[in-house]
Amino acid sequence: MKLNSASLALPLFALTASAWEVRRGDEHPFIHVPLADVDDYTSGKVHMMIMEAMTAYVDEIRADVVHATGIFDPTLGIEPVTKYTPCIDGHAAGPGPNNTYGCRNLDLYSFTPHGDLGSKVKVGNDIWGWAHTSSDGVTREFGLVGQMDGTAFVEVLPTGQIAYLGRLPTQTETSIWRDIKVIGHYAYIGSEAPGHGIQVFDLTKLLDTSLLEDPKEFSIETDLTSLYDGLPAGSSHNVVAHEEKNLLVAVGSVPRLSACAAGLIFIDVSDPENPVTAGCAAEDGYVHDAQCLTYYGPDEKYNGTDVCYSFNEDTFTIYDISDLSSPTVISATFYHGVSYSHQGWVFDEKNQSYLLLNDEYDEVFTRGWATDQKTTTYIWDIMDLSRPVLTGYYKSPAVAIDHNLYIQDGLVYESNYRSGLRIVDASSIADDPTGAGFFEAAFFDVHPEDDAIGGEAQFGGAWSTYPYFKSGYILTNTLERGLFVVKLNKTE
């Protein structure tokens, strides 16, 4: 499904004065012109349009590539990559056709199709990781690979190849949207599938070395530590982990007219065998994604409190969640080019002065700074939590939609759908928060099909990336293909 301005059957109205009074914040000198009327965000029309477009894309790829037997295989003809494959002269070439990827400063260590990771539906989504260090100092690293029909578990071997260990099926039905986070040694897995709840899985089960030879399909009845069933309809769009506080936060848990308004739903997981609802934040309505942290930064009145930086479709919203039974909105800020405030991450968790945000629809509808459809990342000064300031932006050299980004040691790891993994050096942010000093340090394009036309602002390719392993291995999960393991060979 192609996305363009004709796809948007929503009125383009400016916000009323009363809306501004409710939604605090200032973005001067930028001009705020919303993609759609505020009511169309509140009602879910804009989000439903995105979900329908993604569903149509997945239906399209499933219809396009089919075995003679009728079994869907989006990687038909694409072979696994099972050995180190360096990036040479701008490409990493795996075996067979349609298996060569544009790259710079990132080497490919392995590629594993979703079918080889136990999925029958063979469409991927989220990715997270977990590391375990034994008493004798040996560290093992594991990937938790989201798919339409469940979660695959892999071990990332010291060589960069992976060993498939097994999978946990979806709790109810399949869904394009699955999200995974880790607190301690437990994985928390939510999904948009109705009635799914949040699966709690003890990751120490993966330490059984027999799984390296005999992968296991774990049981949703006997292998779960628990199943949290406190969501209004059992579904969530994302799950968020505040690890310091053993707090899980479900977001996007429809219906929007429930008591929690599909906002932040707080779940105390101090006892993973008995997750307990601890409250919710409904004040600013639907939350698409968030990062929740104990605050350390220049805004002294919040130091040591707990906050959630949230991405609420048409605003960047910051909550004070110190009292989970009575959270408050510190600020809710519109911004230049806002189309769909999707996800973001603070630049430094120990000095929360800046945050980077991605908007999922600005490139699609050529809005704000994204009129050329090159992926645009928004830079926020959050030194005053009650008054965030949009200071500038970074523009990728590639045409693509941005999805998820994570930050580690000054590098921004962006999963930009069809242009793949893009690593941006943002270490100049404190000296110049306009983004003028940002630059692309490395990339690995997991979707070569549109390279000949210079890329497309369409769905497909990289969904998310996990960049936090001490080994330096980076996991990127894709919709159509499978799991890529890459590693930086240098940065510029």
Foldseek 3Di string as FASTA:
>chain_A
DAFEPVLDPADFDAEDPVVPVLFDFDAPPFDDGEPHYPVCLLQCVLVVSVQVQVVVVLVVLQVPAADPVRQGALCVFPDKAAAKFQQDPQWGAGDTPPRIWGKDLKTFGIFDFVVNQVDRSRFWFDKAKDWDADPVGDIWIKMWTGDQFWTWIWTQDLRRGIATQETETQQDHGANAKEWDDADQWIWIFAQPFQRAIFIARNVVSVPVVSSVPHDHDYSVPGTLAGHRPQPGRHARYWEDARVQQKIWGAQRDDCPPPQSRHTWIWRVPPVSDIDTQAHHPSLHGFQDWYKYQDAAQQVVRHRFIKIFTFSFQWGWIWGCNRRHDIDTLRTDGYFQRHGFHDKDAQDRNYRQKIKTFHQCSLNHCGGPNVVQFGKIWMWGCSPVNYIYTQAIDGHPARFGWADWDYDPQWIWTQGAQQGTWIKRRVCCVVGVRCPPIDTFMGIGQHCPCVVVRDYHGHWFWNDKYQPDPSQWIWTATGSTGIITMGRPDTD
